[in-house]
């Protein structure tokens, strides 16, 4: 079959309204978007992150291996348990502050950045705990995690002795 010839664009084939053309007019295809079977649950969660020192990160790995829980579950339990000890209410009001206070001094030390999505209530309790302890998010989360690891019986790493 010979190749199809393209029409010359300089010549237009005009047709009167109502006249039939040899080709059917193009109609756009309309497809509906697929509906979601499940609702995304993470959309109600609040991103929370901090840098953890190597010792705390190592203890979190041990807690994960021992309890079989994910990082989010460990953080939720640790923050809520620590806030219980501080007397922070179990249920925070809807208008509770969710912005973690900035630290008093800028500690830009190293450590591994860990991001977790916390429930709104846990995030509000975290902020309230930071305010009560007069700490920024980083030291408060580290203290909460280490206290939780102590309760689980996960030993703190021994500090390396300096050479004499």
C-alpha atoms as a PDB file:
ATOM      1  CA  UNK A   1       0.000   0.000   0.000  1.00  0.00           C
ATOM      2  CA  UNK A   2       1.476   3.379  -0.960  1.00  0.00           C
ATOM      3  CA  UNK A   3       2.095   5.896   1.834  1.00  0.00           C
ATOM      4  CA  UNK A   4      -0.741   8.228   2.600  1.00  0.00           C
ATOM      5  CA  UNK A   5      -0.336  11.723   1.185  1.00  0.00           C
ATOM      6  CA  UNK A   6      -0.689  14.621   3.551  1.00  0.00           C
ATOM      7  CA  UNK A   7      -2.956  17.448   2.419  1.00  0.00           C
ATOM      8  CA  UNK A   8      -1.307  20.676   1.445  1.00  0.00           C
ATOM      9  CA  UNK A   9      -1.831  23.127   4.343  1.00  0.00           C
ATOM     10  CA  UNK A  10      -1.995  26.082   1.916  1.00  0.00           C
ATOM     11  CA  UNK A  11      -5.202  24.760   0.439  1.00  0.00           C
ATOM     12  CA  UNK A  12      -8.152  24.362   2.753  1.00  0.00           C
ATOM     13  CA  UNK A  13     -11.112  22.224   1.960  1.00  0.00           C
ATOM     14  CA  UNK A  14     -14.050  24.282   3.148  1.00  0.00           C
ATOM     15  CA  UNK A  15     -17.393  22.676   3.651  1.00  0.00           C
ATOM     16  CA  UNK A  16     -20.719  24.348   4.178  1.00  0.00           C
ATOM     17  CA  UNK A  17     -22.474  23.842   7.455  1.00  0.00           C
ATOM     18  CA  UNK A  18     -24.600  20.740   7.328  1.00  0.00           C
ATOM     19  CA  UNK A  19     -22.535  19.081   4.616  1.00  0.00           C
ATOM     20  CA  UNK A  20     -21.128  15.705   5.439  1.00  0.00           C
ATOM     21  CA  UNK A  21     -17.391  15.168   5.343  1.00  0.00           C
ATOM     22  CA  UNK A  22     -15.750  11.938   4.493  1.00  0.00           C
ATOM     23  CA  UNK A  23     -14.277  11.544   7.967  1.00  0.00           C
ATOM     24  CA  UNK A  24     -16.214  11.355  11.199  1.00  0.00           C
ATOM     25  CA  UNK A  25     -15.649  14.334  13.464  1.00  0.00           C
ATOM     26  CA  UNK A  26     -13.260  13.682  16.314  1.00  0.00           C
ATOM     27  CA  UNK A  27     -14.855  13.392  19.681  1.00  0.00           C
ATOM     28  CA  UNK A  28     -12.705  13.618  22.777  1.00  0.00           C
ATOM     29  CA  UNK A  29     -12.604  10.530  24.904  1.00  0.00           C
ATOM     30  CA  UNK A  30     -13.719  11.111  28.424  1.00  0.00           C
ATOM     31  CA  UNK A  31     -12.752   8.720  31.106  1.00  0.00           C
ATOM     32  CA  UNK A  32     -13.508   9.170  34.744  1.00  0.00           C
ATOM     33  CA  UNK A  33     -10.723   9.122  37.260  1.00  0.00           C
ATOM     34  CA  UNK A  34     -10.529   5.916  39.248  1.00  0.00           C
ATOM     35  CA  UNK A  35     -12.041   6.157  42.689  1.00  0.00           C
ATOM     36  CA  UNK A  36      -9.870   5.481  45.720  1.00  0.00           C
ATOM     37  CA  UNK A  37     -10.727   2.308  47.527  1.00  0.00           C
ATOM     38  CA  UNK A  38      -9.085   3.447  50.757  1.00  0.00           C
ATOM     39  CA  UNK A  39      -8.619   6.805  52.374  1.00  0.00           C
ATOM     40  CA  UNK A  40      -5.022   7.846  52.983  1.00  0.00           C
ATOM     41  CA  UNK A  41      -4.565   7.808  56.757  1.00  0.00           C
ATOM     42  CA  UNK A  42      -1.292   9.704  56.889  1.00  0.00           C
ATOM     43  CA  UNK A  43      -2.976  12.941  55.849  1.00  0.00           C
ATOM     44  CA  UNK A  44      -4.115  13.545  59.432  1.00  0.00           C
ATOM     45  CA  UNK A  45      -0.587  13.085  60.775  1.00  0.00           C
ATOM     46  CA  UNK A  46       1.982  15.830  61.423  1.00  0.00           C
ATOM     47  CA  UNK A  47       5.535  15.602  60.096  1.00  0.00           C
ATOM     48  CA  UNK A  48       7.984  15.799  62.973  1.00  0.00           C
ATOM     49  CA  UNK A  49      11.724  15.420  62.654  1.00  0.00           C
ATOM     50  CA  UNK A  50      14.884  15.737  64.650  1.00  0.00           C
ATOM     51  CA  UNK A  51      18.503  14.706  64.556  1.00  0.00           C
ATOM     52  CA  UNK A  52      19.382  11.867  66.888  1.00  0.00           C
ATOM     53  CA  UNK A  53      22.853  11.190  68.215  1.00  0.00           C
ATOM     54  CA  UNK A  54      24.408   7.828  67.388  1.00  0.00           C
ATOM     55  CA  UNK A  55      23.768   6.365  70.870  1.00  0.00           C
ATOM     56  CA  UNK A  56      20.037   7.175  70.800  1.00  0.00           C
ATOM     57  CA  UNK A  57      19.747   5.947  67.221  1.00  0.00           C
ATOM     58  CA  UNK A  58      21.449   2.675  68.198  1.00  0.00           C
ATOM     59  CA  UNK A  59      19.049   2.237  71.122  1.00  0.00           C
ATOM     60  CA  UNK A  60      16.096   2.880  68.810  1.00  0.00           C
ATOM     61  CA  UNK A  61      17.304   0.105  66.504  1.00  0.00           C
ATOM     62  CA  UNK A  62      17.492  -2.244  69.494  1.00  0.00           C
ATOM     63  CA  UNK A  63      13.992  -1.220  70.611  1.00  0.00           C
ATOM     64  CA  UNK A  64      12.708  -1.886  67.099  1.00  0.00           C
ATOM     65  CA  UNK A  65      14.325  -5.326  67.049  1.00  0.00           C
ATOM     66  CA  UNK A  66      13.093  -6.182  70.539  1.00  0.00           C
ATOM     67  CA  UNK A  67       9.515  -4.899  70.313  1.00  0.00           C
ATOM     68  CA  UNK A  68       8.956  -5.311  66.584  1.00  0.00           C
ATOM     69  CA  UNK A  69       7.493  -1.808  66.340  1.00  0.00           C
ATOM     70  CA  UNK A  70       8.151   0.821  63.732  1.00  0.00           C
ATOM     71  CA  UNK A  71       9.837   4.162  64.332  1.00  0.00           C
ATOM     72  CA  UNK A  72       6.498   5.998  64.461  1.00  0.00           C
ATOM     73  CA  UNK A  73       5.091   3.627  67.083  1.00  0.00           C
ATOM     74  CA  UNK A  74       8.233   3.953  69.207  1.00  0.00           C
ATOM     75  CA  UNK A  75       8.129   7.762  69.019  1.00  0.00           C
ATOM     76  CA  UNK A  76       4.394   7.878  69.819  1.00  0.00           C
ATOM     77  CA  UNK A  77       4.811   5.649  72.879  1.00  0.00           C
ATOM     78  CA  UNK A  78       7.964   7.402  74.080  1.00  0.00           C
ATOM     79  CA  UNK A  79       6.563  10.929  73.773  1.00  0.00           C
ATOM     80  CA  UNK A  80       3.226   9.990  75.345  1.00  0.00           C
ATOM     81  CA  UNK A  81       4.895   8.127  78.241  1.00  0.00           C
ATOM     82  CA  UNK A  82       7.260  11.029  78.897  1.00  0.00           C
ATOM     83  CA  UNK A  83       4.411  13.551  78.754  1.00  0.00           C
ATOM     84  CA  UNK A  84       2.433  11.402  81.208  1.00  0.00           C
ATOM     85  CA  UNK A  85       5.345  11.703  83.659  1.00  0.00           C
ATOM     86  CA  UNK A  86       5.330  15.484  83.185  1.00  0.00           C
ATOM     87  CA  UNK A  87       1.591  15.705  83.822  1.00  0.00           C
ATOM     88  CA  UNK A  88       0.616  16.787  80.316  1.00  0.00           C
ATOM     89  CA  UNK A  89      -3.110  16.034  79.728  1.00  0.00           C
ATOM     90  CA  UNK A  90      -3.911  12.822  77.827  1.00  0.00           C
ATOM     91  CA  UNK A  91      -6.238  14.611  75.406  1.00  0.00           C
ATOM     92  CA  UNK A  92      -5.180  18.003  74.151  1.00  0.00           C
ATOM     93  CA  UNK A  93      -7.753  20.622  73.081  1.00  0.00           C
ATOM     94  CA  UNK A  94      -8.430  21.165  69.373  1.00  0.00           C
ATOM     95  CA  UNK A  95      -6.839  24.620  69.455  1.00  0.00           C
ATOM     96  CA  UNK A  96      -3.612  23.406  71.083  1.00  0.00           C
ATOM     97  CA  UNK A  97      -0.342  24.749  69.671  1.00  0.00           C
ATOM     98  CA  UNK A  98       1.353  22.420  67.156  1.00  0.00           C
ATOM     99  CA  UNK A  99       4.486  24.433  66.409  1.00  0.00           C
ATOM    100  CA  UNK A 100       7.489  23.058  68.259  1.00  0.00           C
ATOM    101  CA  UNK A 101       9.337  25.825  70.111  1.00  0.00           C
ATOM    102  CA  UNK A 102      12.763  26.813  68.855  1.00  0.00           C
ATOM    103  CA  UNK A 103      15.707  25.866  71.057  1.00  0.00           C
ATOM    104  CA  UNK A 104      17.219  28.486  73.349  1.00  0.00           C
ATOM    105  CA  UNK A 105      20.619  28.021  71.744  1.00  0.00           C
ATOM    106  CA  UNK A 106      21.282  26.977  68.194  1.00  0.00           C
ATOM    107  CA  UNK A 107      22.707  23.475  68.372  1.00  0.00           C
ATOM    108  CA  UNK A 108      23.387  22.444  64.804  1.00  0.00           C
ATOM    109  CA  UNK A 109      25.365  19.359  65.787  1.00  0.00           C
ATOM    110  CA  UNK A 110      25.374  16.281  63.663  1.00  0.00           C
ATOM    111  CA  UNK A 111      23.324  13.184  63.979  1.00  0.00           C
ATOM    112  CA  UNK A 112      20.983  11.243  61.797  1.00  0.00           C
ATOM    113  CA  UNK A 113      17.833  13.075  60.715  1.00  0.00           C
ATOM    114  CA  UNK A 114      14.727  11.051  61.543  1.00  0.00           C
ATOM    115  CA  UNK A 115      11.302  12.112  60.235  1.00  0.00           C
ATOM    116  CA  UNK A 116       8.116  10.673  61.709  1.00  0.00           C
ATOM    117  CA  UNK A 117       4.443  11.458  61.190  1.00  0.00           C
ATOM    118  CA  UNK A 118       2.827  11.902  64.602  1.00  0.00           C
ATOM    119  CA  UNK A 119      -0.848  12.103  65.449  1.00  0.00           C
ATOM    120  CA  UNK A 120      -2.174  15.567  66.139  1.00  0.00           C
ATOM    121  CA  UNK A 121      -2.689  14.811  69.839  1.00  0.00           C
ATOM    122  CA  UNK A 122       0.854  13.458  70.304  1.00  0.00           C
ATOM    123  CA  UNK A 123       2.280  16.462  68.474  1.00  0.00           C
ATOM    124  CA  UNK A 124       0.311  18.824  70.749  1.00  0.00           C
ATOM    125  CA  UNK A 125       1.527  16.910  73.817  1.00  0.00           C
ATOM    126  CA  UNK A 126       5.105  17.151  72.516  1.00  0.00           C
ATOM    127  CA  UNK A 127       4.795  20.927  72.184  1.00  0.00           C
ATOM    128  CA  UNK A 128       3.254  21.248  75.654  1.00  0.00           C
ATOM    129  CA  UNK A 129       6.054  19.102  77.109  1.00  0.00           C
ATOM    130  CA  UNK A 130       8.675  21.282  75.399  1.00  0.00           C
ATOM    131  CA  UNK A 131       7.076  24.380  76.907  1.00  0.00           C
ATOM    132  CA  UNK A 132       6.928  22.862  80.404  1.00  0.00           C
ATOM    133  CA  UNK A 133      10.546  21.725  80.270  1.00  0.00           C
ATOM    134  CA  UNK A 134      11.682  24.916  78.517  1.00  0.00           C
ATOM    135  CA  UNK A 135      13.377  22.866  75.791  1.00  0.00           C
ATOM    136  CA  UNK A 136      13.373  22.788  72.023  1.00  0.00           C
ATOM    137  CA  UNK A 137      12.088  19.756  70.153  1.00  0.00           C
ATOM    138  CA  UNK A 138      15.438  18.072  69.627  1.00  0.00           C
ATOM    139  CA  UNK A 139      16.518  17.691  73.280  1.00  0.00           C
ATOM    140  CA  UNK A 140      12.958  16.908  74.399  1.00  0.00           C
ATOM    141  CA  UNK A 141      12.491  14.101  71.856  1.00  0.00           C
ATOM    142  CA  UNK A 142      15.938  12.712  72.695  1.00  0.00           C
ATOM    143  CA  UNK A 143      15.129  12.781  76.438  1.00  0.00           C
ATOM    144  CA  UNK A 144      11.734  11.138  75.838  1.00  0.00           C
ATOM    145  CA  UNK A 145      13.240   8.387  73.688  1.00  0.00           C
ATOM    146  CA  UNK A 146      16.099   7.676  76.107  1.00  0.00           C
ATOM    147  CA  UNK A 147      13.680   7.548  79.064  1.00  0.00           C
ATOM    148  CA  UNK A 148      11.500   5.108  77.111  1.00  0.00           C
ATOM    149  CA  UNK A 149      14.518   2.962  76.247  1.00  0.00           C
ATOM    150  CA  UNK A 150      15.518   2.938  79.929  1.00  0.00           C
ATOM    151  CA  UNK A 151      12.015   1.673  80.791  1.00  0.00           C
ATOM    152  CA  UNK A 152      12.397  -1.086  78.180  1.00  0.00           C
ATOM    153  CA  UNK A 153      15.704  -2.107  79.758  1.00  0.00           C
ATOM    154  CA  UNK A 154      17.825  -1.231  76.754  1.00  0.00           C
ATOM    155  CA  UNK A 155      21.231  -0.292  78.185  1.00  0.00           C
ATOM    156  CA  UNK A 156      22.888   2.979  77.346  1.00  0.00           C
ATOM    157  CA  UNK A 157      26.102   2.584  75.354  1.00  0.00           C
ATOM    158  CA  UNK A 158      29.252   2.937  77.398  1.00  0.00           C
ATOM    159  CA  UNK A 159      31.046   6.176  76.784  1.00  0.00           C
ATOM    160  CA  UNK A 160      34.456   5.628  75.223  1.00  0.00           C
ATOM    161  CA  UNK A 161      37.260   6.417  77.637  1.00  0.00           C
ATOM    162  CA  UNK A 162      39.707   9.012  76.527  1.00  0.00           C
ATOM    163  CA  UNK A 163      43.318   7.894  76.159  1.00  0.00           C
ATOM    164  CA  UNK A 164      45.640   8.926  78.988  1.00  0.00           C
END
